[in-house]
Amino acid sequence: MQNQFTNDGDEHIDRPTSAAICNAIGERLRRDIGPDDDALPSHLQILIDQMRQQDENTGSR
């Protein structure tokens, strides 16, 4: 497996550099979006709650 990502040019980015870039972008997005936007839309939260309840019911058998 190749350890470098390439683009159309001659530039190469190794995995550690790529991971660092992705982490930095993620941190920037978390900072810019802010903690108020962490909540899921209500319909997704309902689905997650239903899945959690099904898991709890299945685990008690």
C-alpha atoms as a PDB file:
ATOM      1  CA  MET A   1       0.000   0.000   0.000  1.00  0.00           C
ATOM      2  CA  GLN A   2       1.326   3.403  -0.925  1.00  0.00           C
ATOM      3  CA  ASN A   3       1.988   5.824   1.950  1.00  0.00           C
ATOM      4  CA  GLN A   4       1.620   9.017  -0.058  1.00  0.00           C
ATOM      5  CA  PHE A   5      -1.313  10.805  -1.619  1.00  0.00           C
ATOM      6  CA  THR A   6      -0.716  12.547  -4.881  1.00  0.00           C
ATOM      7  CA  ASN A   7      -2.446  15.252  -6.814  1.00  0.00           C
ATOM      8  CA  ASP A   8      -2.114  16.107 -10.491  1.00  0.00           C
ATOM      9  CA  GLY A   9       1.246  17.811  -9.880  1.00  0.00           C
ATOM     10  CA  ASP A  10       4.508  16.490  -8.514  1.00  0.00           C
ATOM     11  CA  GLU A  11       3.644  17.295  -4.887  1.00  0.00           C
ATOM     12  CA  HIS A  12       3.275  14.458  -2.371  1.00  0.00           C
ATOM     13  CA  ILE A  13       1.657  14.503   1.060  1.00  0.00           C
ATOM     14  CA  ASP A  14       2.542  11.716   3.465  1.00  0.00           C
ATOM     15  CA  ARG A  15      -0.002  10.223   5.878  1.00  0.00           C
ATOM     16  CA  PRO A  16       1.173  12.087   9.014  1.00  0.00           C
ATOM     17  CA  THR A  17       0.996  15.413   7.187  1.00  0.00           C
ATOM     18  CA  SER A  18      -2.412  14.581   5.728  1.00  0.00           C
ATOM     19  CA  ALA A  19      -3.693  13.558   9.175  1.00  0.00           C
ATOM     20  CA  ALA A  20      -2.368  16.787  10.701  1.00  0.00           C
ATOM     21  CA  ILE A  21      -4.121  18.841   8.019  1.00  0.00           C
ATOM     22  CA  CYS A  22      -7.405  16.973   8.561  1.00  0.00           C
ATOM     23  CA  ASN A  23      -7.150  17.425  12.335  1.00  0.00           C
ATOM     24  CA  ALA A  24      -6.455  21.142  11.950  1.00  0.00           C
ATOM     25  CA  ILE A  25      -9.441  21.564   9.632  1.00  0.00           C
ATOM     26  CA  GLY A  26     -11.655  19.653  12.072  1.00  0.00           C
ATOM     27  CA  GLU A  27     -10.531  21.799  14.999  1.00  0.00           C
ATOM     28  CA  ARG A  28     -11.141  24.968  12.999  1.00  0.00           C
ATOM     29  CA  LEU A  29     -14.633  23.811  12.033  1.00  0.00           C
ATOM     30  CA  ARG A  30     -15.460  22.901  15.654  1.00  0.00           C
ATOM     31  CA  ARG A  31     -14.269  26.317  16.794  1.00  0.00           C
ATOM     32  CA  ASP A  32     -16.113  28.211  14.051  1.00  0.00           C
ATOM     33  CA  ILE A  33     -19.371  26.264  14.333  1.00  0.00           C
ATOM     34  CA  GLY A  34     -19.431  26.492  18.090  1.00  0.00           C
ATOM     35  CA  PRO A  35     -20.966  24.337  20.814  1.00  0.00           C
ATOM     36  CA  ASP A  36     -24.560  25.472  20.168  1.00  0.00           C
ATOM     37  CA  ASP A  37     -24.665  23.537  16.904  1.00  0.00           C
ATOM     38  CA  ASP A  38     -23.719  20.207  18.527  1.00  0.00           C
ATOM     39  CA  ALA A  39     -27.357  19.198  18.969  1.00  0.00           C
ATOM     40  CA  LEU A  40     -28.785  16.810  16.418  1.00  0.00           C
ATOM     41  CA  PRO A  41     -31.999  17.570  14.583  1.00  0.00           C
ATOM     42  CA  SER A  42     -34.957  16.261  16.580  1.00  0.00           C
ATOM     43  CA  HIS A  43     -35.843  13.470  14.148  1.00  0.00           C
ATOM     44  CA  LEU A  44     -32.284  12.103  14.294  1.00  0.00           C
ATOM     45  CA  GLN A  45     -32.244  12.300  18.087  1.00  0.00           C
ATOM     46  CA  ILE A  46     -35.519  10.328  18.195  1.00  0.00           C
ATOM     47  CA  LEU A  47     -34.009   7.620  15.981  1.00  0.00           C
ATOM     48  CA  ILE A  48     -30.889   7.393  18.144  1.00  0.00           C
ATOM     49  CA  ASP A  49     -33.025   7.148  21.280  1.00  0.00           C
ATOM     50  CA  GLN A  50     -35.067   4.347  19.682  1.00  0.00           C
ATOM     51  CA  MET A  51     -31.891   2.467  18.734  1.00  0.00           C
ATOM     52  CA  ARG A  52     -30.518   2.876  22.258  1.00  0.00           C
ATOM     53  CA  GLN A  53     -33.748   1.531  23.731  1.00  0.00           C
ATOM     54  CA  GLN A  54     -33.717  -1.455  21.357  1.00  0.00           C
ATOM     55  CA  ASP A  55     -30.109  -2.200  22.360  1.00  0.00           C
ATOM     56  CA  GLU A  56     -31.049  -2.068  26.039  1.00  0.00           C
ATOM     57  CA  ASN A  57     -34.036  -4.365  25.482  1.00  0.00           C
ATOM     58  CA  THR A  58     -31.964  -6.829  23.473  1.00  0.00           C
ATOM     59  CA  GLY A  59     -29.197  -6.867  26.084  1.00  0.00           C
ATOM     60  CA  SER A  60     -31.600  -7.747  28.910  1.00  0.00           C
ATOM     61  CA  ARG A  61     -32.757 -11.018  27.312  1.00  0.00           C
END
